[in-house]
């Protein structure tokens, strides 16, 4: 009985593993190349890559990391930088005396000029947001704790935020949920 069980298990092992005299081929792992594989080859021919279309912020970030940016405050003439050069005025707020002009001067700088604030809200901060959720800014750029009269300053956009990720430069008062004034780009 033991011999039959042993013989049956050997036959089963040969059947399952294949006992032919042919050499077995092992699966070779696929090697990845550094070239981007695009779903649509026409897009690659036009110079687009999948990351550029599906996650433009990550694509820009990775290009800046590998590009060796020396002077990040320079103006870049590029089709992706539609917002560079756009100017917007802050919504006038009589209660807090907020007014001024904001201009995007490069991919990581916004220049605020002629900024006025009467100080009645206490410390305020300027932050970047999108229109449909302006009550939750994606980045706080500068805090102002005293009254301002016709002041000018530069705001640095964090390196992890692209120009296409925000639409509003808002002025936020801690006692208000929504921005008390905003410049729309």
N, C-alpha and C. Protein backbone atom coordinates (compact mmCIF):
# COMPACT_ATOMS: atom_id res chain seq x y z
N UNK A 1 0.82 -1.19 0.00
CA UNK A 1 0.00 0.00 0.00
C UNK A 1 0.87 1.26 0.00
N UNK A 2 1.95 1.20 0.79
CA UNK A 2 2.85 2.35 0.85
C UNK A 2 3.52 2.57 -0.50
N UNK A 3 3.84 1.47 -1.21
CA UNK A 3 4.49 1.59 -2.51
C UNK A 3 3.55 2.22 -3.54
N UNK A 4 2.28 1.92 -3.47
CA UNK A 4 1.31 2.47 -4.41
C UNK A 4 1.16 3.98 -4.18
N UNK A 5 1.11 4.37 -2.93
CA UNK A 5 0.98 5.79 -2.60
C UNK A 5 2.24 6.54 -3.04
N UNK A 6 3.40 5.94 -2.81
CA UNK A 6 4.65 6.56 -3.22
C UNK A 6 4.73 6.67 -4.74
N UNK A 7 4.35 5.61 -5.44
CA UNK A 7 4.37 5.60 -6.89
C UNK A 7 3.37 6.62 -7.46
N UNK A 8 2.19 6.69 -6.87
CA UNK A 8 1.17 7.64 -7.33
C UNK A 8 1.64 9.08 -7.12
N UNK A 9 2.29 9.36 -6.02
CA UNK A 9 2.76 10.72 -5.77
C UNK A 9 3.89 11.09 -6.72
N UNK A 10 4.76 10.12 -7.08
CA UNK A 10 5.82 10.40 -8.04
C UNK A 10 5.24 10.67 -9.43
N UNK A 11 4.27 9.88 -9.84
CA UNK A 11 3.64 10.09 -11.15
C UNK A 11 2.94 11.45 -11.17
N UNK A 12 2.27 11.76 -10.10
CA UNK A 12 1.58 13.05 -10.01
C UNK A 12 2.59 14.20 -10.06
N UNK A 13 3.72 14.04 -9.39
CA UNK A 13 4.76 15.07 -9.41
C UNK A 13 5.32 15.26 -10.81
N UNK A 14 5.55 14.15 -11.56
CA UNK A 14 6.06 14.26 -12.92
C UNK A 14 5.03 14.91 -13.85
N UNK A 15 3.78 14.57 -13.65
CA UNK A 15 2.73 15.12 -14.50
C UNK A 15 2.60 16.63 -14.26
N UNK A 16 2.61 17.03 -13.00
CA UNK A 16 2.44 18.45 -12.68
C UNK A 16 3.65 19.30 -13.07
N UNK A 17 4.84 18.78 -12.90
CA UNK A 17 6.03 19.57 -13.22
C UNK A 17 6.47 19.40 -14.66
N UNK A 18 6.04 18.38 -15.31
CA UNK A 18 6.44 18.16 -16.69
C UNK A 18 7.76 17.45 -16.72
N UNK A 19 7.76 16.24 -17.15
CA UNK A 19 8.97 15.43 -17.13
C UNK A 19 9.52 15.24 -18.53
N UNK A 20 9.26 16.14 -19.41
CA UNK A 20 9.76 15.98 -20.76
C UNK A 20 11.23 16.34 -20.81
N UNK A 21 11.90 15.88 -21.84
CA UNK A 21 13.31 16.14 -21.98
C UNK A 21 13.58 17.55 -22.49
N UNK A 22 12.52 18.32 -22.78
CA UNK A 22 12.72 19.67 -23.28
C UNK A 22 13.20 20.57 -22.14
N UNK A 23 13.98 21.55 -22.52
CA UNK A 23 14.47 22.48 -21.49
C UNK A 23 13.34 23.42 -21.09
N UNK A 24 13.30 23.71 -19.82
CA UNK A 24 12.26 24.61 -19.32
C UNK A 24 12.71 26.05 -19.51
N UNK A 25 11.79 26.87 -19.93
CA UNK A 25 12.09 28.29 -20.08
C UNK A 25 11.60 29.02 -18.85
N UNK A 26 12.47 29.81 -18.29
CA UNK A 26 12.08 30.61 -17.14
C UNK A 26 11.60 31.97 -17.63
N UNK A 27 10.63 32.49 -16.93
CA UNK A 27 10.12 33.81 -17.29
C UNK A 27 11.18 34.85 -16.99
N UNK A 28 11.47 35.65 -17.99
CA UNK A 28 12.47 36.70 -17.78
C UNK A 28 11.75 37.96 -17.33
N UNK A 29 12.28 38.60 -16.31
CA UNK A 29 11.63 39.82 -15.84
C UNK A 29 11.76 40.92 -16.89
N UNK A 30 10.71 41.72 -16.99
CA UNK A 30 10.76 42.82 -17.95
C UNK A 30 11.60 43.94 -17.37
N UNK A 31 12.42 44.46 -18.20
CA UNK A 31 13.26 45.57 -17.75
C UNK A 31 12.60 46.86 -18.16
N UNK A 32 12.58 47.81 -17.27
CA UNK A 32 11.97 49.10 -17.59
C UNK A 32 13.04 50.05 -18.12
N UNK A 33 12.64 50.80 -19.08
CA UNK A 33 13.57 51.78 -19.64
C UNK A 33 13.20 53.14 -19.09
N UNK A 34 14.09 54.07 -19.28
CA UNK A 34 13.82 55.42 -18.78
C UNK A 34 12.89 56.18 -19.71
N UNK A 35 12.61 55.61 -20.87
CA UNK A 35 11.72 56.29 -21.82
C UNK A 35 10.28 56.10 -21.38
N UNK A 36 9.50 57.14 -21.43
CA UNK A 36 8.10 57.12 -21.02
C UNK A 36 7.28 56.38 -22.06
N UNK A 37 6.41 55.48 -21.59
CA UNK A 37 5.52 54.78 -22.49
C UNK A 37 4.18 55.49 -22.42
N UNK A 38 3.71 55.96 -23.54
CA UNK A 38 2.47 56.71 -23.58
C UNK A 38 1.34 55.85 -24.08
N UNK A 39 0.14 56.09 -23.57
CA UNK A 39 -1.02 55.37 -24.03
C UNK A 39 -1.32 55.75 -25.48
N UNK A 40 -1.15 56.99 -25.81
CA UNK A 40 -1.41 57.49 -27.15
C UNK A 40 -0.08 57.90 -27.78
N UNK A 41 0.42 57.13 -28.74
CA UNK A 41 1.72 57.47 -29.34
C UNK A 41 1.75 58.83 -30.02
N UNK A 42 0.57 59.32 -30.46
CA UNK A 42 0.53 60.64 -31.08
C UNK A 42 0.93 61.73 -30.10
N UNK A 43 0.55 61.57 -28.83
CA UNK A 43 0.91 62.56 -27.82
C UNK A 43 2.42 62.61 -27.61
N UNK A 44 3.06 61.44 -27.61
CA UNK A 44 4.51 61.40 -27.44
C UNK A 44 5.19 62.08 -28.62
N UNK A 45 4.66 61.90 -29.82
CA UNK A 45 5.25 62.54 -30.99
C UNK A 45 5.11 64.05 -30.90
N UNK A 46 4.06 64.54 -30.25
CA UNK A 46 3.86 65.98 -30.11
C UNK A 46 4.64 66.55 -28.93
N UNK A 47 5.30 65.69 -28.16
CA UNK A 47 6.13 66.17 -27.06
C UNK A 47 5.48 66.08 -25.69
N UNK A 48 4.32 65.44 -25.58
CA UNK A 48 3.67 65.30 -24.29
C UNK A 48 4.01 63.96 -23.67
N UNK A 49 4.02 63.92 -22.36
CA UNK A 49 4.23 62.70 -21.62
C UNK A 49 3.04 62.49 -20.70
N UNK A 50 2.78 61.26 -20.35
CA UNK A 50 1.62 60.93 -19.53
C UNK A 50 1.61 61.71 -18.23
N UNK A 51 2.74 61.83 -17.54
CA UNK A 51 2.79 62.57 -16.28
C UNK A 51 2.45 64.04 -16.48
N UNK A 52 2.81 64.58 -17.62
CA UNK A 52 2.55 65.99 -17.89
C UNK A 52 1.04 66.23 -18.00
N UNK A 53 0.31 65.25 -18.51
CA UNK A 53 -1.13 65.40 -18.67
C UNK A 53 -1.91 64.98 -17.44
N UNK A 54 -1.48 63.92 -16.76
CA UNK A 54 -2.26 63.41 -15.63
C UNK A 54 -1.90 64.07 -14.31
N UNK A 55 -0.66 64.47 -14.13
CA UNK A 55 -0.25 65.12 -12.88
C UNK A 55 0.75 66.22 -13.21
N UNK A 56 0.26 67.37 -13.69
CA UNK A 56 1.18 68.42 -14.13
C UNK A 56 2.02 68.99 -13.00
N UNK A 57 1.49 69.01 -11.78
CA UNK A 57 2.27 69.55 -10.67
C UNK A 57 3.49 68.68 -10.40
N UNK A 58 3.29 67.36 -10.38
CA UNK A 58 4.41 66.44 -10.17
C UNK A 58 5.39 66.52 -11.33
N UNK A 59 4.88 66.62 -12.56
CA UNK A 59 5.75 66.72 -13.73
C UNK A 59 6.63 67.97 -13.64
N UNK A 60 6.03 69.12 -13.29
CA UNK A 60 6.80 70.36 -13.15
C UNK A 60 7.82 70.24 -12.04
N UNK A 61 7.41 69.66 -10.92
CA UNK A 61 8.31 69.50 -9.78
C UNK A 61 9.51 68.64 -10.14
N UNK A 62 9.26 67.51 -10.79
CA UNK A 62 10.36 66.62 -11.17
C UNK A 62 11.27 67.27 -12.20
N UNK A 63 10.71 68.04 -13.12
CA UNK A 63 11.55 68.73 -14.08
C UNK A 63 12.41 69.79 -13.42
N UNK A 64 11.89 70.48 -12.42
CA UNK A 64 12.68 71.48 -11.71
C UNK A 64 13.78 70.81 -10.90
N UNK A 65 13.48 69.65 -10.30
CA UNK A 65 14.47 68.94 -9.51
C UNK A 65 15.64 68.51 -10.36
N UNK A 66 15.35 68.01 -11.56
CA UNK A 66 16.44 67.51 -12.40
C UNK A 66 17.01 68.60 -13.30
N UNK A 67 16.35 69.74 -13.36
CA UNK A 67 16.79 70.79 -14.26
C UNK A 67 17.89 71.66 -13.71
N UNK A 68 18.18 71.58 -12.42
CA UNK A 68 19.23 72.40 -11.83
C UNK A 68 18.90 73.87 -11.88
N UNK A 69 17.74 74.25 -11.39
CA UNK A 69 17.32 75.65 -11.42
C UNK A 69 18.27 76.46 -10.54
N UNK A 70 18.89 77.46 -11.12
CA UNK A 70 19.85 78.28 -10.39
C UNK A 70 19.17 79.50 -9.80
N UNK A 71 18.40 80.22 -10.60
CA UNK A 71 17.71 81.41 -10.13
C UNK A 71 16.21 81.19 -10.28
N UNK A 72 15.54 80.68 -9.23
CA UNK A 72 14.14 80.33 -9.37
C UNK A 72 13.22 81.53 -9.52
N UNK A 73 13.69 82.76 -9.36
CA UNK A 73 12.84 83.93 -9.46
C UNK A 73 12.76 84.51 -10.85
N UNK A 74 13.36 83.87 -11.83
CA UNK A 74 13.34 84.42 -13.18
C UNK A 74 12.03 84.10 -13.87
N UNK A 75 11.63 84.95 -14.77
CA UNK A 75 10.41 84.75 -15.53
C UNK A 75 10.68 83.72 -16.62
N UNK A 76 9.82 82.72 -16.71
CA UNK A 76 9.99 81.66 -17.68
C UNK A 76 8.95 81.84 -18.77
N UNK A 77 9.38 81.99 -20.00
CA UNK A 77 8.45 82.09 -21.12
C UNK A 77 8.15 80.68 -21.59
N UNK A 78 6.98 80.18 -21.23
CA UNK A 78 6.62 78.81 -21.52
C UNK A 78 5.11 78.75 -21.72
N UNK A 79 4.65 77.84 -22.56
CA UNK A 79 3.22 77.71 -22.81
C UNK A 79 2.47 77.28 -21.55
N UNK A 80 3.12 76.55 -20.65
CA UNK A 80 2.46 76.09 -19.43
C UNK A 80 2.28 77.23 -18.43
N UNK A 81 2.94 78.34 -18.63
CA UNK A 81 2.92 79.44 -17.67
C UNK A 81 1.98 80.55 -18.13
N UNK A 82 0.73 80.20 -18.34
CA UNK A 82 -0.24 81.19 -18.80
C UNK A 82 -0.47 82.30 -17.79
N UNK A 83 -0.30 82.00 -16.52
CA UNK A 83 -0.62 82.97 -15.48
C UNK A 83 0.50 83.99 -15.24
N UNK A 84 1.69 83.73 -15.73
CA UNK A 84 2.78 84.67 -15.50
C UNK A 84 2.45 85.98 -16.20
N UNK A 85 2.53 87.06 -15.44
CA UNK A 85 2.21 88.38 -15.96
C UNK A 85 0.79 88.83 -15.66
N UNK A 86 -0.07 87.93 -15.17
CA UNK A 86 -1.45 88.31 -14.86
C UNK A 86 -1.49 89.20 -13.62
N UNK A 87 -2.33 90.22 -13.70
CA UNK A 87 -2.48 91.17 -12.61
C UNK A 87 -3.93 91.14 -12.14
N UNK A 88 -4.13 91.23 -10.84
CA UNK A 88 -5.47 91.24 -10.27
C UNK A 88 -5.49 92.18 -9.07
N UNK A 89 -6.59 92.87 -8.91
CA UNK A 89 -6.73 93.75 -7.74
C UNK A 89 -7.50 93.02 -6.66
N UNK A 90 -7.16 93.32 -5.42
CA UNK A 90 -7.87 92.73 -4.29
C UNK A 90 -9.27 93.35 -4.22
N UNK A 91 -10.26 92.53 -3.88
CA UNK A 91 -11.60 93.05 -3.67
C UNK A 91 -11.53 94.07 -2.54
N UNK A 92 -12.12 95.23 -2.74
CA UNK A 92 -12.06 96.27 -1.69
C UNK A 92 -12.93 95.85 -0.52
N UNK A 93 -12.38 95.98 0.66
CA UNK A 93 -13.10 95.66 1.87
C UNK A 93 -13.06 96.90 2.75
N UNK A 94 -14.18 97.59 2.86
CA UNK A 94 -14.22 98.84 3.63
C UNK A 94 -14.03 98.61 5.12
N UNK A 95 -14.55 97.51 5.63
CA UNK A 95 -14.46 97.24 7.07
C UNK A 95 -12.99 97.13 7.52
N UNK A 96 -12.19 96.42 6.73
CA UNK A 96 -10.79 96.21 7.10
C UNK A 96 -9.83 97.08 6.29
N UNK A 97 -10.35 97.86 5.37
CA UNK A 97 -9.53 98.77 4.57
C UNK A 97 -8.53 98.05 3.69
N UNK A 98 -8.91 96.89 3.18
CA UNK A 98 -7.99 96.09 2.35
C UNK A 98 -8.14 96.48 0.89
N UNK A 99 -7.02 96.76 0.26
CA UNK A 99 -6.96 97.01 -1.18
C UNK A 99 -5.52 96.78 -1.63
N UNK A 100 -5.34 96.66 -2.91
CA UNK A 100 -3.99 96.45 -3.45
C UNK A 100 -4.03 95.72 -4.77
N UNK A 101 -2.85 95.48 -5.32
CA UNK A 101 -2.70 94.83 -6.62
C UNK A 101 -1.73 93.66 -6.46
N UNK A 102 -2.10 92.51 -7.05
CA UNK A 102 -1.23 91.34 -7.04
C UNK A 102 -0.89 90.97 -8.48
N UNK A 103 0.39 90.66 -8.72
CA UNK A 103 0.84 90.29 -10.06
C UNK A 103 1.75 89.07 -9.95
N UNK A 104 1.47 88.06 -10.76
CA UNK A 104 2.33 86.87 -10.81
C UNK A 104 3.51 87.23 -11.71
N UNK A 105 4.72 87.24 -11.12
CA UNK A 105 5.89 87.65 -11.91
C UNK A 105 6.75 86.48 -12.36
N UNK A 106 6.58 85.31 -11.73
CA UNK A 106 7.30 84.12 -12.18
C UNK A 106 6.56 82.89 -11.64
N UNK A 107 7.11 81.73 -11.92
CA UNK A 107 6.46 80.49 -11.48
C UNK A 107 6.45 80.35 -9.96
N UNK A 108 7.26 81.13 -9.26
CA UNK A 108 7.27 80.99 -7.81
C UNK A 108 7.22 82.33 -7.08
N UNK A 109 6.82 83.40 -7.75
CA UNK A 109 6.76 84.72 -7.09
C UNK A 109 5.50 85.47 -7.48
N UNK A 110 4.90 86.10 -6.48
CA UNK A 110 3.79 87.02 -6.68
C UNK A 110 4.20 88.34 -6.05
N UNK A 111 4.06 89.42 -6.79
CA UNK A 111 4.38 90.76 -6.27
C UNK A 111 3.08 91.44 -5.88
N UNK A 112 3.02 91.89 -4.64
CA UNK A 112 1.87 92.63 -4.14
C UNK A 112 2.32 94.08 -3.99
N UNK A 113 1.56 94.99 -4.58
CA UNK A 113 1.91 96.41 -4.50
C UNK A 113 0.67 97.22 -4.10
N UNK A 114 0.92 98.41 -3.58
CA UNK A 114 -0.14 99.33 -3.13
C UNK A 114 -1.09 98.64 -2.16
N UNK A 115 -0.55 97.81 -1.28
CA UNK A 115 -1.38 97.05 -0.35
C UNK A 115 -1.71 97.91 0.88
N UNK A 116 -2.99 97.93 1.20
CA UNK A 116 -3.48 98.69 2.36
C UNK A 116 -4.29 97.78 3.27
N UNK A 117 -4.13 97.98 4.57
CA UNK A 117 -4.88 97.23 5.58
C UNK A 117 -4.91 98.08 6.84
N UNK A 118 -6.11 98.28 7.42
CA UNK A 118 -6.23 99.18 8.56
C UNK A 118 -5.92 98.53 9.92
N UNK A 119 -5.69 97.23 9.96
CA UNK A 119 -5.30 96.57 11.20
C UNK A 119 -6.46 96.19 12.11
N UNK A 120 -7.70 96.41 11.70
CA UNK A 120 -8.83 96.18 12.59
C UNK A 120 -9.20 94.71 12.78
N UNK A 121 -8.65 93.83 11.99
CA UNK A 121 -8.94 92.39 12.13
C UNK A 121 -7.87 91.70 12.98
N UNK A 122 -6.82 92.39 13.31
CA UNK A 122 -5.70 91.74 13.99
C UNK A 122 -4.76 91.17 12.96
N UNK A 123 -4.01 90.14 13.31
CA UNK A 123 -3.08 89.56 12.33
C UNK A 123 -3.86 88.87 11.20
N UNK A 124 -3.51 89.18 9.98
CA UNK A 124 -4.09 88.53 8.81
C UNK A 124 -2.99 87.75 8.10
N UNK A 125 -3.40 86.87 7.20
CA UNK A 125 -2.39 86.19 6.39
C UNK A 125 -2.89 86.09 4.95
N UNK A 126 -1.95 86.02 4.03
CA UNK A 126 -2.25 85.85 2.62
C UNK A 126 -2.01 84.40 2.27
N UNK A 127 -2.97 83.81 1.56
CA UNK A 127 -2.87 82.40 1.21
C UNK A 127 -3.42 82.11 -0.17
N UNK A 128 -2.99 81.00 -0.73
CA UNK A 128 -3.44 80.56 -2.06
C UNK A 128 -4.58 79.57 -1.89
N UNK A 129 -5.59 79.67 -2.75
CA UNK A 129 -6.75 78.77 -2.68
C UNK A 129 -7.36 78.62 -4.07
N UNK A 130 -8.32 77.71 -4.15
CA UNK A 130 -9.11 77.58 -5.36
C UNK A 130 -10.50 78.12 -5.07
N UNK A 131 -11.22 78.50 -6.12
CA UNK A 131 -12.50 79.20 -5.95
C UNK A 131 -13.54 78.40 -5.17
N UNK A 132 -13.69 77.13 -5.50
CA UNK A 132 -14.77 76.38 -4.88
C UNK A 132 -14.48 75.95 -3.45
N UNK A 133 -13.28 76.15 -2.96
CA UNK A 133 -12.99 75.89 -1.55
C UNK A 133 -12.05 76.96 -1.01
N UNK A 134 -12.47 78.20 -1.15
CA UNK A 134 -11.62 79.31 -0.71
C UNK A 134 -11.49 79.38 0.80
N UNK A 135 -12.37 78.68 1.53
CA UNK A 135 -12.26 78.68 2.99
C UNK A 135 -11.13 77.79 3.49
N UNK A 136 -10.54 76.98 2.61
CA UNK A 136 -9.41 76.12 2.98
C UNK A 136 -8.23 76.43 2.08
N UNK A 137 -7.38 77.37 2.47
CA UNK A 137 -6.23 77.70 1.61
C UNK A 137 -5.26 76.52 1.50
N UNK A 138 -4.65 76.39 0.32
CA UNK A 138 -3.70 75.30 0.12
C UNK A 138 -2.30 75.68 0.60
N UNK A 139 -2.06 76.98 0.78
CA UNK A 139 -0.75 77.42 1.29
C UNK A 139 -0.90 78.80 1.92
N UNK A 140 -0.28 78.97 3.08
CA UNK A 140 -0.20 80.28 3.72
C UNK A 140 1.14 80.89 3.33
N UNK A 141 1.10 82.10 2.77
CA UNK A 141 2.32 82.69 2.24
C UNK A 141 2.95 83.75 3.14
N UNK A 142 2.13 84.59 3.76
CA UNK A 142 2.69 85.69 4.56
C UNK A 142 1.68 86.10 5.61
N UNK A 143 2.19 86.40 6.79
CA UNK A 143 1.34 86.92 7.86
C UNK A 143 1.68 88.40 8.08
N UNK A 144 0.62 89.19 8.24
CA UNK A 144 0.78 90.62 8.48
C UNK A 144 0.06 90.93 9.78
N UNK A 145 0.79 91.48 10.74
CA UNK A 145 0.19 91.70 12.06
C UNK A 145 -0.07 93.17 12.38
N UNK A 146 0.38 94.08 11.53
CA UNK A 146 0.17 95.50 11.78
C UNK A 146 -0.47 96.14 10.55
N UNK A 147 -1.01 97.33 10.74
CA UNK A 147 -1.64 98.07 9.65
C UNK A 147 -0.61 98.37 8.56
N UNK A 148 -1.07 98.39 7.32
CA UNK A 148 -0.21 98.63 6.16
C UNK A 148 -0.79 99.80 5.36
N UNK A 149 0.09 100.60 4.82
CA UNK A 149 -0.35 101.70 3.98
C UNK A 149 0.56 101.78 2.75
N UNK A 150 0.00 101.46 1.60
CA UNK A 150 0.70 101.52 0.32
C UNK A 150 2.02 100.74 0.35
N UNK A 151 1.99 99.54 0.91
CA UNK A 151 3.22 98.74 1.00
C UNK A 151 3.32 97.78 -0.19
N UNK A 152 4.54 97.36 -0.47
CA UNK A 152 4.82 96.41 -1.54
C UNK A 152 5.72 95.31 -1.00
N UNK A 153 5.45 94.09 -1.44
CA UNK A 153 6.26 92.94 -1.00
C UNK A 153 6.08 91.81 -1.99
N UNK A 154 7.04 90.88 -1.95
CA UNK A 154 6.99 89.69 -2.80
C UNK A 154 6.57 88.50 -1.96
N UNK A 155 5.75 87.64 -2.56
CA UNK A 155 5.34 86.39 -1.92
C UNK A 155 5.97 85.24 -2.69
N UNK A 156 6.54 84.29 -1.97
CA UNK A 156 7.15 83.13 -2.61
C UNK A 156 6.17 81.98 -2.59
N UNK A 157 5.86 81.47 -3.78
CA UNK A 157 4.98 80.31 -3.90
C UNK A 157 5.80 79.07 -3.55
N UNK A 158 5.32 78.21 -2.65
CA UNK A 158 6.09 77.00 -2.30
C UNK A 158 6.39 76.16 -3.55
N UNK A 159 7.51 75.47 -3.49
CA UNK A 159 7.97 74.71 -4.67
C UNK A 159 7.05 73.54 -5.01
N UNK A 160 6.24 73.09 -4.08
CA UNK A 160 5.35 71.97 -4.36
C UNK A 160 4.00 72.42 -4.93
N UNK A 161 3.84 73.73 -5.19
CA UNK A 161 2.59 74.25 -5.73
C UNK A 161 2.87 74.89 -7.09
N UNK A 162 2.13 74.44 -8.08
CA UNK A 162 2.25 74.96 -9.44
C UNK A 162 1.24 76.09 -9.65
N UNK A 163 1.46 76.90 -10.67
CA UNK A 163 0.56 78.01 -10.96
C UNK A 163 -0.85 77.53 -11.31
N UNK A 164 -0.97 76.32 -11.82
CA UNK A 164 -2.30 75.82 -12.19
C UNK A 164 -3.08 75.28 -11.00
N UNK A 165 -2.47 75.20 -9.84
CA UNK A 165 -3.14 74.62 -8.68
C UNK A 165 -3.91 75.64 -7.86
N UNK A 166 -3.81 76.91 -8.13
CA UNK A 166 -4.56 77.90 -7.36
C UNK A 166 -5.19 78.92 -8.30
N UNK A 167 -6.25 79.56 -7.80
CA UNK A 167 -6.94 80.58 -8.58
C UNK A 167 -7.08 81.88 -7.80
N UNK A 168 -6.87 81.81 -6.51
CA UNK A 168 -7.12 82.97 -5.64
C UNK A 168 -5.92 83.22 -4.74
N UNK A 169 -5.57 84.49 -4.57
CA UNK A 169 -4.68 84.92 -3.50
C UNK A 169 -5.60 85.62 -2.51
N UNK A 170 -5.88 84.95 -1.43
CA UNK A 170 -6.85 85.47 -0.47
C UNK A 170 -6.20 86.10 0.74
N UNK A 171 -6.92 87.07 1.34
CA UNK A 171 -6.52 87.69 2.60
C UNK A 171 -7.45 87.12 3.66
N UNK A 172 -6.87 86.44 4.62
CA UNK A 172 -7.66 85.72 5.63
C UNK A 172 -7.52 86.38 6.99
N UNK A 173 -8.65 86.53 7.64
CA UNK A 173 -8.72 87.05 9.01
C UNK A 173 -9.05 85.85 9.89
N UNK A 174 -8.36 85.67 11.02
CA UNK A 174 -8.62 84.49 11.86
C UNK A 174 -10.07 84.38 12.35
N UNK A 175 -10.78 85.49 12.46
CA UNK A 175 -12.15 85.44 12.95
C UNK A 175 -13.16 85.13 11.84
N UNK A 176 -12.72 85.08 10.58
CA UNK A 176 -13.59 84.81 9.44
C UNK A 176 -13.19 83.48 8.79
N UNK A 177 -14.19 82.74 8.31
CA UNK A 177 -13.89 81.48 7.65
C UNK A 177 -13.49 81.71 6.18
N UNK A 178 -14.22 82.55 5.51
CA UNK A 178 -13.94 82.89 4.10
C UNK A 178 -12.90 84.01 4.05
N UNK A 179 -12.21 84.17 2.92
CA UNK A 179 -11.26 85.29 2.83
C UNK A 179 -12.02 86.62 2.87
N UNK A 180 -11.45 87.60 3.54
CA UNK A 180 -12.09 88.92 3.63
C UNK A 180 -11.86 89.72 2.38
N UNK A 181 -10.88 89.35 1.59
CA UNK A 181 -10.59 89.99 0.31
C UNK A 181 -9.80 88.98 -0.52
N UNK A 182 -9.89 89.07 -1.85
CA UNK A 182 -9.14 88.14 -2.68
C UNK A 182 -8.80 88.77 -4.03
N UNK A 183 -7.69 88.30 -4.58
CA UNK A 183 -7.29 88.65 -5.94
C UNK A 183 -7.44 87.37 -6.76
N UNK A 184 -8.26 87.43 -7.80
CA UNK A 184 -8.56 86.24 -8.61
C UNK A 184 -7.70 86.22 -9.87
N UNK A 185 -7.07 85.09 -10.11
CA UNK A 185 -6.21 84.93 -11.31
C UNK A 185 -6.86 84.02 -12.31
